[in-house]
Protein backbone atom coordinates (compact mmCIF):
# COMPACT_ATOMS: atom_id res chain seq x y z
CA MET A 1 118.76 273.68 81.23
CA SER A 2 115.95 273.89 78.74
CA VAL A 3 113.12 276.71 78.41
CA SER A 4 109.16 276.21 77.71
CA THR A 5 106.68 278.08 77.35
CA PRO A 6 102.54 277.45 76.62
CA HIS A 7 103.93 277.87 73.13
CA ILE A 8 107.43 276.66 73.03
CA ASN A 9 108.98 273.62 74.24
CA LEU A 10 112.89 272.87 73.58
CA PRO A 11 115.38 269.89 73.76
CA GLU A 12 117.45 270.02 76.31
CA GLY A 13 120.95 272.37 75.76
CA VAL A 14 118.82 273.72 72.38
CA SER A 15 118.61 277.53 71.96
CA PHE A 16 117.53 279.90 69.28
CA ALA A 17 119.96 281.39 67.28
CA LYS A 18 120.37 285.25 68.28
CA THR A 19 118.07 286.19 64.83
CA VAL A 20 114.81 284.45 64.28
CA LEU A 21 112.67 284.70 60.56
CA MET A 22 109.08 284.47 61.37
CA PRO A 23 107.42 283.61 58.21
CA GLY A 24 103.29 283.19 59.30
CA ASP A 25 102.74 279.99 57.78
CA PRO A 26 104.37 277.47 59.29
CA LEU A 27 104.81 275.20 56.47
CA ARG A 28 106.49 278.47 54.78
CA ALA A 29 109.24 278.21 58.02
CA LYS A 30 110.03 274.38 56.64
CA MET A 31 110.61 274.98 53.34
CA ILE A 32 113.09 278.52 54.06
CA ALA A 33 114.86 275.75 56.42
CA GLU A 34 114.77 272.67 54.65
CA THR A 35 115.44 274.73 51.49
CA PHE A 36 118.37 277.55 52.80
CA LEU A 37 119.47 276.60 55.76
CA GLU A 38 122.65 273.59 56.64
CA ASN A 39 121.82 270.95 58.78
CA PRO A 40 118.23 272.19 59.86
CA GLU A 41 116.70 270.75 62.99
CA LEU A 42 113.53 270.74 63.91
CA ILE A 43 113.48 272.11 67.50
CA ASN A 44 109.95 273.38 68.16
CA ASN A 45 106.69 271.71 66.91
CA VAL A 46 104.32 272.82 69.84
CA ARG A 47 100.46 272.96 68.03
CA GLY A 48 102.81 272.79 64.69
CA ILE A 49 104.05 275.50 65.10
CA HIS A 50 107.62 274.53 63.34
CA GLY A 51 110.78 275.54 64.92
CA TYR A 52 114.31 275.40 63.25
CA ASN A 53 117.83 276.00 64.03
CA GLY A 54 120.26 275.92 61.31
CA THR A 55 123.34 277.58 59.80
CA TYR A 56 123.74 279.69 56.33
CA LYS A 57 127.11 280.91 55.36
CA ASP A 58 128.45 279.12 59.01
CA TYR A 59 125.92 281.48 61.19
CA LYS A 60 123.60 279.60 63.21
CA VAL A 61 119.99 281.32 62.23
CA SER A 62 116.21 280.18 63.52
CA VAL A 63 113.29 279.61 61.43
CA MET A 64 109.58 279.64 63.45
CA ALA A 65 105.92 280.74 62.18
CA SER A 66 104.24 283.06 64.05
CA GLY A 67 100.57 282.37 63.14
CA MET A 68 97.77 284.12 61.75
CA GLY A 69 97.50 287.55 63.09
CA MET A 70 98.41 290.44 65.32
CA PRO A 71 97.41 288.73 69.11
CA SER A 72 99.18 284.74 67.45
CA ILE A 73 103.04 286.88 66.66
CA GLY A 74 102.37 288.50 69.30
CA ILE A 75 102.68 285.95 71.50
CA TYR A 76 105.55 284.19 69.98
CA SER A 77 107.82 287.28 69.78
CA TYR A 78 106.76 288.34 73.50
CA GLU A 79 108.52 284.65 74.78
CA LEU A 80 111.04 284.02 71.90
CA TYR A 81 112.27 287.66 72.73
CA ASN A 82 111.81 287.62 77.09
CA PHE A 83 112.55 283.93 77.75
CA PHE A 84 114.83 282.55 74.99
CA GLY A 85 117.25 285.88 74.50
CA VAL A 86 116.65 286.62 70.69
CA GLU A 87 117.32 289.95 69.71
CA ASN A 88 116.50 290.09 66.29
CA ILE A 89 112.81 288.94 64.56
CA ILE A 90 112.99 288.99 61.10
CA ARG A 91 108.94 289.01 59.94
CA VAL A 92 108.79 287.21 56.37
CA GLY A 93 105.81 286.84 54.70
CA SER A 94 102.84 288.14 52.31
CA ALA A 95 101.17 291.72 51.87
CA GLY A 96 98.86 293.28 49.47
CA GLY A 97 99.43 295.65 47.88
CA ILE A 98 97.89 298.96 48.27
CA SER A 99 100.23 301.60 46.49
CA PRO A 100 100.17 302.14 43.06
CA ASP A 101 104.19 302.32 43.11
CA VAL A 102 104.12 298.63 44.28
CA LYS A 103 103.46 296.00 41.99
CA LEU A 104 103.30 291.77 42.39
CA ARG A 105 106.20 289.96 43.51
CA ASP A 106 107.85 293.70 44.70
CA ILE A 107 109.42 292.94 48.02
CA VAL A 108 108.66 295.73 50.84
CA ALA A 109 109.94 296.41 54.48
CA GLY A 110 107.93 299.12 56.62
CA ILE A 111 109.65 301.07 58.36
CA GLY A 112 106.60 301.88 60.62
CA ALA A 113 102.92 299.76 60.62
CA ASN A 114 99.59 301.75 60.48
CA THR A 115 97.16 299.65 62.33
CA ASN A 116 93.63 299.76 63.39
CA SER A 117 94.49 297.13 65.75
CA SER A 118 94.02 297.60 69.62
CA PHE A 119 97.19 295.94 70.98
CA ALA A 120 98.90 299.15 71.62
CA SER A 121 95.76 299.05 74.26
CA GLN A 122 97.70 296.83 76.96
CA TYR A 123 100.62 299.71 78.01
CA GLY A 124 97.94 302.25 79.11
CA VAL A 125 99.92 304.87 77.60
CA THR A 126 97.82 309.00 77.31
CA GLY A 127 97.83 309.18 73.31
CA THR A 128 99.17 306.85 69.80
CA ILE A 129 102.11 304.79 70.40
CA ALA A 130 103.64 304.77 66.87
CA PRO A 131 105.49 300.87 66.31
CA THR A 132 107.89 300.94 64.09
CA CYS A 133 110.64 299.43 62.90
CA SER A 134 114.49 298.52 64.10
CA TYR A 135 116.94 301.22 62.52
CA GLU A 136 119.49 298.70 62.34
CA LEU A 137 117.87 295.96 60.83
CA LEU A 138 115.98 298.16 58.21
CA THR A 139 119.75 299.45 57.12
CA ALA A 140 120.75 295.72 57.16
CA ALA A 141 118.27 294.76 55.09
CA LYS A 142 118.43 297.68 52.50
CA ASP A 143 122.33 296.78 51.65
CA SER A 144 122.08 293.20 52.05
CA ALA A 145 119.25 294.02 49.98
CA GLU A 146 121.37 296.06 47.25
CA ALA A 147 124.28 293.43 47.57
CA SER A 148 121.93 291.28 45.96
CA GLY A 149 121.28 293.15 43.38
CA LEU A 150 117.83 293.24 44.97
CA SER A 151 114.93 296.04 44.62
CA LEU A 152 113.62 296.41 48.34
CA LYS A 153 111.03 299.55 48.62
CA ILE A 154 110.72 301.38 52.39
CA GLY A 155 107.97 302.69 54.01
CA ASN A 156 105.15 301.91 55.93
CA LEU A 157 102.83 299.11 56.08
CA PHE A 158 99.00 297.96 57.60
CA SER A 159 98.30 295.86 60.13
CA SER A 160 94.94 295.51 59.66
CA ASP A 161 92.79 293.16 62.26
CA THR A 162 90.29 292.39 59.59
CA PHE A 163 91.26 290.02 56.30
CA TYR A 164 87.64 290.63 55.14
CA ASP A 165 86.79 294.10 54.98
CA ASP A 166 83.33 295.27 54.18
CA ASP A 167 84.40 298.78 52.84
CA PRO A 168 85.23 298.93 49.63
CA ASP A 169 87.04 302.17 50.16
CA SER A 170 88.86 300.86 53.31
CA LEU A 171 92.46 299.98 51.55
CA SER A 172 92.71 303.12 49.19
CA LYS A 173 92.47 305.30 52.41
CA TRP A 174 95.26 303.74 54.49
CA GLY A 175 96.32 304.41 51.08
CA LYS A 176 96.00 308.08 51.60
CA VAL A 177 97.80 308.15 54.69
CA GLY A 178 101.13 306.43 52.67
CA SER A 179 100.86 302.62 53.19
CA LEU A 180 102.28 301.02 50.79
CA ALA A 181 100.64 297.24 52.18
CA VAL A 182 98.78 295.53 53.59
CA GLU A 183 99.81 293.51 55.85
CA MET A 184 98.35 291.67 59.56
CA GLU A 185 101.39 291.28 61.96
CA ALA A 186 104.12 293.81 61.74
CA ALA A 187 102.54 296.46 64.08
CA ALA A 188 102.35 293.81 66.73
CA LEU A 189 105.97 292.46 66.30
CA TYR A 190 106.72 295.91 66.58
CA MET A 191 105.22 297.00 69.88
CA THR A 192 106.59 293.78 71.26
CA ALA A 193 110.43 294.36 70.24
CA MET A 194 109.98 298.17 71.38
CA LYS A 195 108.06 296.44 74.83
CA ALA A 196 111.26 294.42 75.02
CA GLY A 197 113.96 296.38 73.97
CA LYS A 198 114.91 294.76 70.46
CA ARG A 199 115.04 294.49 67.13
CA ALA A 200 112.29 294.20 64.77
CA LEU A 201 111.75 294.23 60.79
CA ALA A 202 109.27 293.33 59.14
CA ILE A 203 109.64 292.03 55.27
CA CYS A 204 107.06 291.31 52.98
CA THR A 205 106.76 289.93 48.77
CA ILE A 206 102.99 291.27 47.12
CA SER A 207 100.77 288.09 46.79
CA ASP A 208 98.14 289.79 45.84
CA ILE A 209 96.73 293.30 44.36
CA PRO A 210 92.94 293.78 46.30
CA ALA A 211 92.10 296.42 44.03
CA THR A 212 92.97 294.82 40.74
CA GLY A 213 91.79 290.81 41.86
CA GLU A 214 95.98 290.27 40.78
CA GLY A 215 97.22 287.02 43.42
CA CYS A 216 99.74 284.49 43.29
CA SER A 217 98.53 280.73 44.95
CA ALA A 218 99.01 279.85 47.62
CA GLU A 219 101.26 277.15 46.34
CA GLU A 220 103.48 280.19 45.44
CA ARG A 221 102.89 282.67 48.45
CA GLN A 222 104.50 279.10 50.12
CA ASN A 223 107.18 278.24 48.11
CA THR A 224 108.44 280.86 45.41
CA PHE A 225 109.09 284.01 47.41
CA THR A 226 112.71 283.36 47.44
CA ASP A 227 114.19 286.84 47.24
CA MET A 228 112.48 287.58 50.55
CA ILE A 229 113.88 285.04 52.32
CA LYS A 230 117.89 285.60 50.66
CA ILE A 231 117.70 289.46 51.61
CA ALA A 232 116.30 288.43 55.61
CA LEU A 233 119.16 285.69 55.67
CA GLU A 234 121.55 288.33 54.60
CA THR A 235 120.41 290.54 57.22
CA ALA A 236 120.29 288.02 59.65
CA ILE A 237 124.61 287.28 59.64
CA ARG A 238 124.69 291.68 59.37
CA MET A 239 123.23 291.73 62.45
CA ASP A 240 125.49 288.40 64.00
């Protein structure tokens, strides 16, 4: 029996894998599926949000885009966790380096996600929710990176609701409280996973350094962050 939501519609008899890799960009989802998966099959294209099934080293893996920002990944991750039986979501995206210890094209994993978003207000708790990743996924990612001879820097991300920020000191302030890099999705993904009792991890490649103006082109962001994808795929099969 097929399952459908306002944002995801699968063909009859098709299901997602236990683990979904989730880039923001639909074209990056397409690239990942067609480059890294065997027998990739487009299973969702509602609103142009490409979702694929395929196999990696004989393990079933899914890839689907999240769109941009916390509201968007909040929708797609909620539906995947709560309606489609997905257990693990690994965000694979780009981030801007904040810490001086982070360089262009470094790969970072978010153990937690600081945020300026009010996403947590929906839960009605008195106090502050600390969005954190899954320890199991983080450990699997660390082991996968080491086994592949790749460097993975682990620390807090800063999930921002603001792409164009007129405060020139904003990112440096977040850096002073330990944020390695800035992106726009991890906090919402982590909170959605925590509420659903599922697992999530954000792995990002540093695509630009706002403080210096260094950066990758849009095409490079879409097509060349292959080491990050390899870590995520190896993590997925460790969780199978």
